Amino acid sequence: MAAWATAHPYLTFVLALVVGLSIWSAIRLRASRFGRALVAIAGSEDAARALGIDVAHYKLMAFLISAAYAALAGSLFVHVV
């Protein structure tokens, strides 16, 4: 194990909990209306636009969600470094 894991055993638990919650939320997000819209946009933006999906809005929201995941990962990683 790494030195930080033995020095702070609660941190390992917190990291595992956050990873688990992040995976769970990503799975739930994919199954939601928002996730289905992103899958449609990934398949074909023109077809998604024809179905009435606001492509720019969903792309912006996807960017914001990915930024939140990156911020969460960075805030947890700073304790390891």
PDB file of N, CA and C in Angstrom:
ATOM      1  N   MET A   1       0.822  -1.182   0.000  1.00  0.00           N
ATOM      2  CA  MET A   1       0.000   0.000   0.000  1.00  0.00           C
ATOM      3  C   MET A   1       0.870   1.251   0.000  1.00  0.00           C
ATOM      4  N   ALA A   2       0.306   2.290  -0.481  1.00  0.00           N
ATOM      5  CA  ALA A   2       1.026   3.556  -0.501  1.00  0.00           C
ATOM      6  C   ALA A   2       1.142   4.116   0.909  1.00  0.00           C
ATOM      7  N   ALA A   3       2.119   4.987   1.103  1.00  0.00           N
ATOM      8  CA  ALA A   3       2.359   5.554   2.429  1.00  0.00           C
ATOM      9  C   ALA A   3       1.171   6.382   2.906  1.00  0.00           C
ATOM     10  N   TRP A   4       0.530   7.101   2.000  1.00  0.00           N
ATOM     11  CA  TRP A   4      -0.604   7.928   2.416  1.00  0.00           C
ATOM     12  C   TRP A   4      -1.782   7.063   2.839  1.00  0.00           C
ATOM     13  N   ALA A   5      -1.913   5.856   2.255  1.00  0.00           N
ATOM     14  CA  ALA A   5      -3.029   4.981   2.608  1.00  0.00           C
ATOM     15  C   ALA A   5      -2.854   4.404   4.005  1.00  0.00           C
ATOM     16  N   THR A   6      -1.623   4.115   4.397  1.00  0.00           N
ATOM     17  CA  THR A   6      -1.393   3.584   5.736  1.00  0.00           C
ATOM     18  C   THR A   6      -1.412   4.685   6.793  1.00  0.00           C
ATOM     19  N   ALA A   7      -1.030   5.894   6.396  1.00  0.00           N
ATOM     20  CA  ALA A   7      -1.025   7.007   7.344  1.00  0.00           C
ATOM     21  C   ALA A   7      -2.441   7.516   7.609  1.00  0.00           C
ATOM     22  N   HIS A   8      -3.297   7.442   6.609  1.00  0.00           N
ATOM     23  CA  HIS A   8      -4.674   7.927   6.738  1.00  0.00           C
ATOM     24  C   HIS A   8      -5.629   6.872   6.188  1.00  0.00           C
ATOM     25  N   PRO A   9      -5.961   5.861   6.963  1.00  0.00           N
ATOM     26  CA  PRO A   9      -6.810   4.777   6.437  1.00  0.00           C
ATOM     27  C   PRO A   9      -8.218   5.234   6.096  1.00  0.00           C
ATOM     28  N   TYR A  10      -8.725   6.283   6.750  1.00  0.00           N
ATOM     29  CA  TYR A  10     -10.053   6.781   6.424  1.00  0.00           C
ATOM     30  C   TYR A  10     -10.095   7.367   5.014  1.00  0.00           C
ATOM     31  N   LEU A  11      -8.967   7.876   4.537  1.00  0.00           N
ATOM     32  CA  LEU A  11      -8.924   8.474   3.207  1.00  0.00           C
ATOM     33  C   LEU A  11      -9.184   7.427   2.129  1.00  0.00           C
ATOM     34  N   THR A  12      -8.694   6.225   2.339  1.00  0.00           N
ATOM     35  CA  THR A  12      -8.948   5.142   1.394  1.00  0.00           C
ATOM     36  C   THR A  12     -10.434   4.851   1.325  1.00  0.00           C
ATOM     37  N   PHE A  13     -11.095   4.837   2.474  1.00  0.00           N
ATOM     38  CA  PHE A  13     -12.542   4.612   2.501  1.00  0.00           C
ATOM     39  C   PHE A  13     -13.283   5.734   1.792  1.00  0.00           C
ATOM     40  N   VAL A  14     -12.888   6.967   2.037  1.00  0.00           N
ATOM     41  CA  VAL A  14     -13.547   8.112   1.398  1.00  0.00           C
ATOM     42  C   VAL A  14     -13.359   8.062  -0.121  1.00  0.00           C
ATOM     43  N   LEU A  15     -12.146   7.734  -0.568  1.00  0.00           N
ATOM     44  CA  LEU A  15     -11.894   7.637  -2.005  1.00  0.00           C
ATOM     45  C   LEU A  15     -12.733   6.532  -2.639  1.00  0.00           C
ATOM     46  N   ALA A  16     -12.819   5.385  -1.981  1.00  0.00           N
ATOM     47  CA  ALA A  16     -13.634   4.286  -2.505  1.00  0.00           C
ATOM     48  C   ALA A  16     -15.102   4.672  -2.552  1.00  0.00           C
ATOM     49  N   LEU A  17     -15.570   5.374  -1.550  1.00  0.00           N
ATOM     50  CA  LEU A  17     -16.964   5.824  -1.521  1.00  0.00           C
ATOM     51  C   LEU A  17     -17.246   6.822  -2.645  1.00  0.00           C
ATOM     52  N   VAL A  18     -16.355   7.760  -2.854  1.00  0.00           N
ATOM     53  CA  VAL A  18     -16.550   8.757  -3.908  1.00  0.00           C
ATOM     54  C   VAL A  18     -16.505   8.106  -5.295  1.00  0.00           C
ATOM     55  N   VAL A  19     -15.591   7.162  -5.485  1.00  0.00           N
ATOM     56  CA  VAL A  19     -15.513   6.454  -6.767  1.00  0.00           C
ATOM     57  C   VAL A  19     -16.797   5.678  -7.008  1.00  0.00           C
ATOM     58  N   GLY A  20     -17.277   4.992  -5.981  1.00  0.00           N
ATOM     59  CA  GLY A  20     -18.519   4.237  -6.112  1.00  0.00           C
ATOM     60  C   GLY A  20     -19.709   5.129  -6.438  1.00  0.00           C
ATOM     61  N   LEU A  21     -19.820   6.257  -5.740  1.00  0.00           N
ATOM     62  CA  LEU A  21     -20.912   7.190  -6.019  1.00  0.00           C
ATOM     63  C   LEU A  21     -20.799   7.803  -7.412  1.00  0.00           C
ATOM     64  N   SER A  22     -19.582   8.062  -7.850  1.00  0.00           N
ATOM     65  CA  SER A  22     -19.385   8.622  -9.191  1.00  0.00           C
ATOM     66  C   SER A  22     -19.795   7.626 -10.265  1.00  0.00           C
ATOM     67  N   ILE A  23     -19.427   6.373 -10.087  1.00  0.00           N
ATOM     68  CA  ILE A  23     -19.814   5.346 -11.056  1.00  0.00           C
ATOM     69  C   ILE A  23     -21.325   5.163 -11.055  1.00  0.00           C
ATOM     70  N   TRP A  24     -21.913   5.134  -9.861  1.00  0.00           N
ATOM     71  CA  TRP A  24     -23.370   4.982  -9.765  1.00  0.00           C
ATOM     72  C   TRP A  24     -24.092   6.149 -10.448  1.00  0.00           C
ATOM     73  N   SER A  25     -23.611   7.377 -10.211  1.00  0.00           N
ATOM     74  CA  SER A  25     -24.271   8.536 -10.822  1.00  0.00           C
ATOM     75  C   SER A  25     -24.089   8.551 -12.341  1.00  0.00           C
ATOM     76  N   ALA A  26     -22.941   8.086 -12.823  1.00  0.00           N
ATOM     77  CA  ALA A  26     -22.733   8.020 -14.275  1.00  0.00           C
ATOM     78  C   ALA A  26     -23.668   7.000 -14.914  1.00  0.00           C
ATOM     79  N   ILE A  27     -23.858   5.868 -14.246  1.00  0.00           N
ATOM     80  CA  ILE A  27     -24.782   4.863 -14.770  1.00  0.00           C
ATOM     81  C   ILE A  27     -26.210   5.394 -14.767  1.00  0.00           C
ATOM     82  N   ARG A  28     -26.599   6.057 -13.687  1.00  0.00           N
ATOM     83  CA  ARG A  28     -27.947   6.635 -13.612  1.00  0.00           C
ATOM     84  C   ARG A  28     -28.124   7.754 -14.649  1.00  0.00           C
ATOM     85  N   LEU A  29     -27.085   8.515 -14.869  1.00  0.00           N
ATOM     86  CA  LEU A  29     -27.144   9.590 -15.855  1.00  0.00           C
ATOM     87  C   LEU A  29     -27.344   9.036 -17.255  1.00  0.00           C
ATOM     88  N   ARG A  30     -26.650   7.961 -17.553  1.00  0.00           N
ATOM     89  CA  ARG A  30     -26.764   7.348 -18.883  1.00  0.00           C
ATOM     90  C   ARG A  30     -28.172   6.820 -19.139  1.00  0.00           C
ATOM     91  N   ALA A  31     -28.849   6.346 -18.091  1.00  0.00           N
ATOM     92  CA  ALA A  31     -30.193   5.787 -18.240  1.00  0.00           C
ATOM     93  C   ALA A  31     -31.283   6.858 -18.230  1.00  0.00           C
ATOM     94  N   SER A  32     -30.922   8.101 -17.972  1.00  0.00           N
ATOM     95  CA  SER A  32     -31.917   9.166 -17.884  1.00  0.00           C
ATOM     96  C   SER A  32     -32.245   9.745 -19.262  1.00  0.00           C
ATOM     97  N   ARG A  33     -33.174  10.648 -19.270  1.00  0.00           N
ATOM     98  CA  ARG A  33     -33.537  11.339 -20.519  1.00  0.00           C
ATOM     99  C   ARG A  33     -32.336  12.100 -21.082  1.00  0.00           C
ATOM    100  N   PHE A  34     -31.594  12.710 -20.184  1.00  0.00           N
ATOM    101  CA  PHE A  34     -30.391  13.444 -20.577  1.00  0.00           C
ATOM    102  C   PHE A  34     -29.385  12.511 -21.243  1.00  0.00           C
ATOM    103  N   GLY A  35     -29.171  11.350 -20.657  1.00  0.00           N
ATOM    104  CA  GLY A  35     -28.233  10.391 -21.217  1.00  0.00           C
ATOM    105  C   GLY A  35     -28.674   9.873 -22.576  1.00  0.00           C
ATOM    106  N   ARG A  36     -29.963   9.621 -22.718  1.00  0.00           N
ATOM    107  CA  ARG A  36     -30.466   9.171 -24.024  1.00  0.00           C
ATOM    108  C   ARG A  36     -30.284  10.249 -25.078  1.00  0.00           C
ATOM    109  N   ALA A  37     -30.438  11.514 -24.685  1.00  0.00           N
ATOM    110  CA  ALA A  37     -30.218  12.611 -25.628  1.00  0.00           C
ATOM    111  C   ALA A  37     -28.744  12.674 -26.037  1.00  0.00           C
ATOM    112  N   LEU A  38     -27.841  12.448 -25.100  1.00  0.00           N
ATOM    113  CA  LEU A  38     -26.415  12.456 -25.433  1.00  0.00           C
ATOM    114  C   LEU A  38     -26.048  11.300 -26.349  1.00  0.00           C
ATOM    115  N   VAL A  39     -26.655  10.148 -26.128  1.00  0.00           N
ATOM    116  CA  VAL A  39     -26.415   9.011 -27.015  1.00  0.00           C
ATOM    117  C   VAL A  39     -26.916   9.330 -28.420  1.00  0.00           C
ATOM    118  N   ALA A  40     -28.064   9.987 -28.516  1.00  0.00           N
ATOM    119  CA  ALA A  40     -28.601  10.373 -29.820  1.00  0.00           C
ATOM    120  C   ALA A  40     -27.685  11.379 -30.510  1.00  0.00           C
ATOM    121  N   ILE A  41     -27.168  12.325 -29.751  1.00  0.00           N
ATOM    122  CA  ILE A  41     -26.253  13.323 -30.314  1.00  0.00           C
ATOM    123  C   ILE A  41     -24.958  12.660 -30.766  1.00  0.00           C
ATOM    124  N   ALA A  42     -24.476  11.690 -30.008  1.00  0.00           N
ATOM    125  CA  ALA A  42     -23.247  10.985 -30.387  1.00  0.00           C
ATOM    126  C   ALA A  42     -23.451  10.205 -31.672  1.00  0.00           C
ATOM    127  N   GLY A  43     -24.661   9.691 -31.874  1.00  0.00           N
ATOM    128  CA  GLY A  43     -24.945   8.945 -33.098  1.00  0.00           C
ATOM    129  C   GLY A  43     -24.986   9.846 -34.312  1.00  0.00           C
ATOM    130  N   SER A  44     -25.738  10.914 -34.225  1.00  0.00           N
ATOM    131  CA  SER A  44     -25.860  11.856 -35.336  1.00  0.00           C
ATOM    132  C   SER A  44     -26.464  13.153 -34.813  1.00  0.00           C
ATOM    133  N   GLU A  45     -25.700  14.212 -34.894  1.00  0.00           N
ATOM    134  CA  GLU A  45     -26.202  15.504 -34.429  1.00  0.00           C
ATOM    135  C   GLU A  45     -27.388  15.968 -35.257  1.00  0.00           C
ATOM    136  N   ASP A  46     -27.324  15.760 -36.559  1.00  0.00           N
ATOM    137  CA  ASP A  46     -28.417  16.193 -37.427  1.00  0.00           C
ATOM    138  C   ASP A  46     -29.706  15.441 -37.122  1.00  0.00           C
ATOM    139  N   ALA A  47     -29.594  14.135 -36.904  1.00  0.00           N
ATOM    140  CA  ALA A  47     -30.785  13.345 -36.580  1.00  0.00           C
ATOM    141  C   ALA A  47     -31.337  13.755 -35.218  1.00  0.00           C
ATOM    142  N   ALA A  48     -30.466  14.017 -34.261  1.00  0.00           N
ATOM    143  CA  ALA A  48     -30.917  14.452 -32.937  1.00  0.00           C
ATOM    144  C   ALA A  48     -31.614  15.805 -33.022  1.00  0.00           C
ATOM    145  N   ARG A  49     -31.059  16.687 -33.830  1.00  0.00           N
ATOM    146  CA  ARG A  49     -31.676  18.002 -34.019  1.00  0.00           C
ATOM    147  C   ARG A  49     -33.041  17.856 -34.683  1.00  0.00           C
ATOM    148  N   ALA A  50     -33.169  16.905 -35.608  1.00  0.00           N
ATOM    149  CA  ALA A  50     -34.447  16.667 -36.276  1.00  0.00           C
ATOM    150  C   ALA A  50     -35.490  16.106 -35.307  1.00  0.00           C
ATOM    151  N   LEU A  51     -35.030  15.409 -34.276  1.00  0.00           N
ATOM    152  CA  LEU A  51     -35.947  14.873 -33.268  1.00  0.00           C
ATOM    153  C   LEU A  51     -36.340  15.916 -32.232  1.00  0.00           C
ATOM    154  N   GLY A  52     -35.785  17.106 -32.322  1.00  0.00           N
ATOM    155  CA  GLY A  52     -36.155  18.181 -31.415  1.00  0.00           C
ATOM    156  C   GLY A  52     -35.228  18.339 -30.222  1.00  0.00           C
ATOM    157  N   ILE A  53     -34.069  17.722 -30.262  1.00  0.00           N
ATOM    158  CA  ILE A  53     -33.102  17.836 -29.171  1.00  0.00           C
ATOM    159  C   ILE A  53     -32.263  19.088 -29.391  1.00  0.00           C
ATOM    160  N   ASP A  54     -32.187  19.912 -28.364  1.00  0.00           N
ATOM    161  CA  ASP A  54     -31.358  21.128 -28.424  1.00  0.00           C
ATOM    162  C   ASP A  54     -29.897  20.709 -28.240  1.00  0.00           C
ATOM    163  N   VAL A  55     -29.208  20.519 -29.348  1.00  0.00           N
ATOM    164  CA  VAL A  55     -27.862  19.948 -29.341  1.00  0.00           C
ATOM    165  C   VAL A  55     -26.892  20.833 -28.561  1.00  0.00           C
ATOM    166  N   ALA A  56     -26.931  22.124 -28.771  1.00  0.00           N
ATOM    167  CA  ALA A  56     -25.994  23.025 -28.093  1.00  0.00           C
ATOM    168  C   ALA A  56     -26.191  22.974 -26.577  1.00  0.00           C
ATOM    169  N   HIS A  57     -27.435  22.938 -26.142  1.00  0.00           N
ATOM    170  CA  HIS A  57     -27.731  22.887 -24.703  1.00  0.00           C
ATOM    171  C   HIS A  57     -27.183  21.597 -24.083  1.00  0.00           C
ATOM    172  N   TYR A  58     -27.432  20.476 -24.725  1.00  0.00           N
ATOM    173  CA  TYR A  58     -26.981  19.198 -24.179  1.00  0.00           C
ATOM    174  C   TYR A  58     -25.457  19.073 -24.217  1.00  0.00           C
ATOM    175  N   LYS A  59     -24.822  19.619 -25.229  1.00  0.00           N
ATOM    176  CA  LYS A  59     -23.355  19.602 -25.269  1.00  0.00           C
ATOM    177  C   LYS A  59     -22.769  20.455 -24.153  1.00  0.00           C
ATOM    178  N   LEU A  60     -23.371  21.601 -23.902  1.00  0.00           N
ATOM    179  CA  LEU A  60     -22.907  22.457 -22.815  1.00  0.00           C
ATOM    180  C   LEU A  60     -23.097  21.773 -21.468  1.00  0.00           C
ATOM    181  N   MET A  61     -24.232  21.144 -21.256  1.00  0.00           N
ATOM    182  CA  MET A  61     -24.472  20.442 -20.002  1.00  0.00           C
ATOM    183  C   MET A  61     -23.509  19.268 -19.821  1.00  0.00           C
ATOM    184  N   ALA A  62     -23.198  18.562 -20.902  1.00  0.00           N
ATOM    185  CA  ALA A  62     -22.243  17.460 -20.826  1.00  0.00           C
ATOM    186  C   ALA A  62     -20.858  17.991 -20.447  1.00  0.00           C
ATOM    187  N   PHE A  63     -20.488  19.133 -20.995  1.00  0.00           N
ATOM    188  CA  PHE A  63     -19.206  19.752 -20.647  1.00  0.00           C
ATOM    189  C   PHE A  63     -19.179  20.142 -19.177  1.00  0.00           C
ATOM    190  N   LEU A  64     -20.262  20.691 -18.665  1.00  0.00           N
ATOM    191  CA  LEU A  64     -20.314  21.090 -17.260  1.00  0.00           C
ATOM    192  C   LEU A  64     -20.247  19.878 -16.332  1.00  0.00           C
ATOM    193  N   ILE A  65     -20.912  18.808 -16.696  1.00  0.00           N
ATOM    194  CA  ILE A  65     -20.866  17.600 -15.870  1.00  0.00           C
ATOM    195  C   ILE A  65     -19.462  17.003 -15.872  1.00  0.00           C
ATOM    196  N   SER A  66     -18.815  16.990 -17.037  1.00  0.00           N
ATOM    197  CA  SER A  66     -17.448  16.467 -17.087  1.00  0.00           C
ATOM    198  C   SER A  66     -16.494  17.361 -16.295  1.00  0.00           C
ATOM    199  N   ALA A  67     -16.728  18.665 -16.296  1.00  0.00           N
ATOM    200  CA  ALA A  67     -15.907  19.568 -15.493  1.00  0.00           C
ATOM    201  C   ALA A  67     -16.114  19.313 -14.007  1.00  0.00           C
ATOM    202  N   ALA A  68     -17.334  18.988 -13.614  1.00  0.00           N
ATOM    203  CA  ALA A  68     -17.598  18.678 -12.204  1.00  0.00           C
ATOM    204  C   ALA A  68     -16.879  17.396 -11.794  1.00  0.00           C
ATOM    205  N   TYR A  69     -16.897  16.383 -12.653  1.00  0.00           N
ATOM    206  CA  TYR A  69     -16.158  15.150 -12.363  1.00  0.00           C
ATOM    207  C   TYR A  69     -14.661  15.440 -12.249  1.00  0.00           C
ATOM    208  N   ALA A  70     -14.131  16.262 -13.139  1.00  0.00           N
ATOM    209  CA  ALA A  70     -12.706  16.598 -13.097  1.00  0.00           C
ATOM    210  C   ALA A  70     -12.365  17.385 -11.834  1.00  0.00           C
ATOM    211  N   ALA A  71     -13.237  18.298 -11.431  1.00  0.00           N
ATOM    212  CA  ALA A  71     -13.003  19.071 -10.214  1.00  0.00           C
ATOM    213  C   ALA A  71     -13.031  18.175  -8.987  1.00  0.00           C
ATOM    214  N   LEU A  72     -13.955  17.232  -8.966  1.00  0.00           N
ATOM    215  CA  LEU A  72     -14.026  16.293  -7.847  1.00  0.00           C
ATOM    216  C   LEU A  72     -12.761  15.439  -7.783  1.00  0.00           C
ATOM    217  N   ALA A  73     -12.325  14.941  -8.920  1.00  0.00           N
ATOM    218  CA  ALA A  73     -11.107  14.128  -8.950  1.00  0.00           C
ATOM    219  C   ALA A  73      -9.898  14.945  -8.515  1.00  0.00           C
ATOM    220  N   GLY A  74      -9.805  16.170  -8.966  1.00  0.00           N
ATOM    221  CA  GLY A  74      -8.680  17.025  -8.580  1.00  0.00           C
ATOM    222  C   GLY A  74      -8.683  17.350  -7.109  1.00  0.00           C
ATOM    223  N   SER A  75      -9.863  17.581  -6.546  1.00  0.00           N
ATOM    224  CA  SER A  75      -9.930  17.900  -5.117  1.00  0.00           C
ATOM    225  C   SER A  75      -9.560  16.708  -4.259  1.00  0.00           C
ATOM    226  N   LEU A  76      -9.814  15.490  -4.749  1.00  0.00           N
ATOM    227  CA  LEU A  76      -9.414  14.304  -3.999  1.00  0.00           C
ATOM    228  C   LEU A  76      -7.927  13.966  -4.217  1.00  0.00           C
ATOM    229  N   PHE A  77      -7.444  14.233  -5.408  1.00  0.00           N
ATOM    230  CA  PHE A  77      -6.056  13.905  -5.723  1.00  0.00           C
ATOM    231  C   PHE A  77      -5.070  14.826  -5.010  1.00  0.00           C
ATOM    232  N   VAL A  78      -5.477  16.017  -4.701  1.00  0.00           N
ATOM    233  CA  VAL A  78      -4.570  16.971  -4.057  1.00  0.00           C
ATOM    234  C   VAL A  78      -4.121  16.459  -2.690  1.00  0.00           C
ATOM    235  N   HIS A  79      -4.927  15.629  -2.045  1.00  0.00           N
ATOM    236  CA  HIS A  79      -4.552  15.096  -0.738  1.00  0.00           C
ATOM    237  C   HIS A  79      -3.520  13.985  -0.841  1.00  0.00           C
ATOM    238  N   VAL A  80      -3.413  13.400  -2.025  1.00  0.00           N
ATOM    239  CA  VAL A  80      -2.475  12.302  -2.233  1.00  0.00           C
ATOM    240  C   VAL A  80      -1.089  12.836  -2.576  1.00  0.00           C
ATOM    241  N   VAL A  81      -1.042  13.929  -3.279  1.00  0.00           N
ATOM    242  CA  VAL A  81       0.227  14.479  -3.749  1.00  0.00           C
ATOM    243  C   VAL A  81       0.970  15.162  -2.639  1.00  0.00           C
TER     244      VAL A  81
END
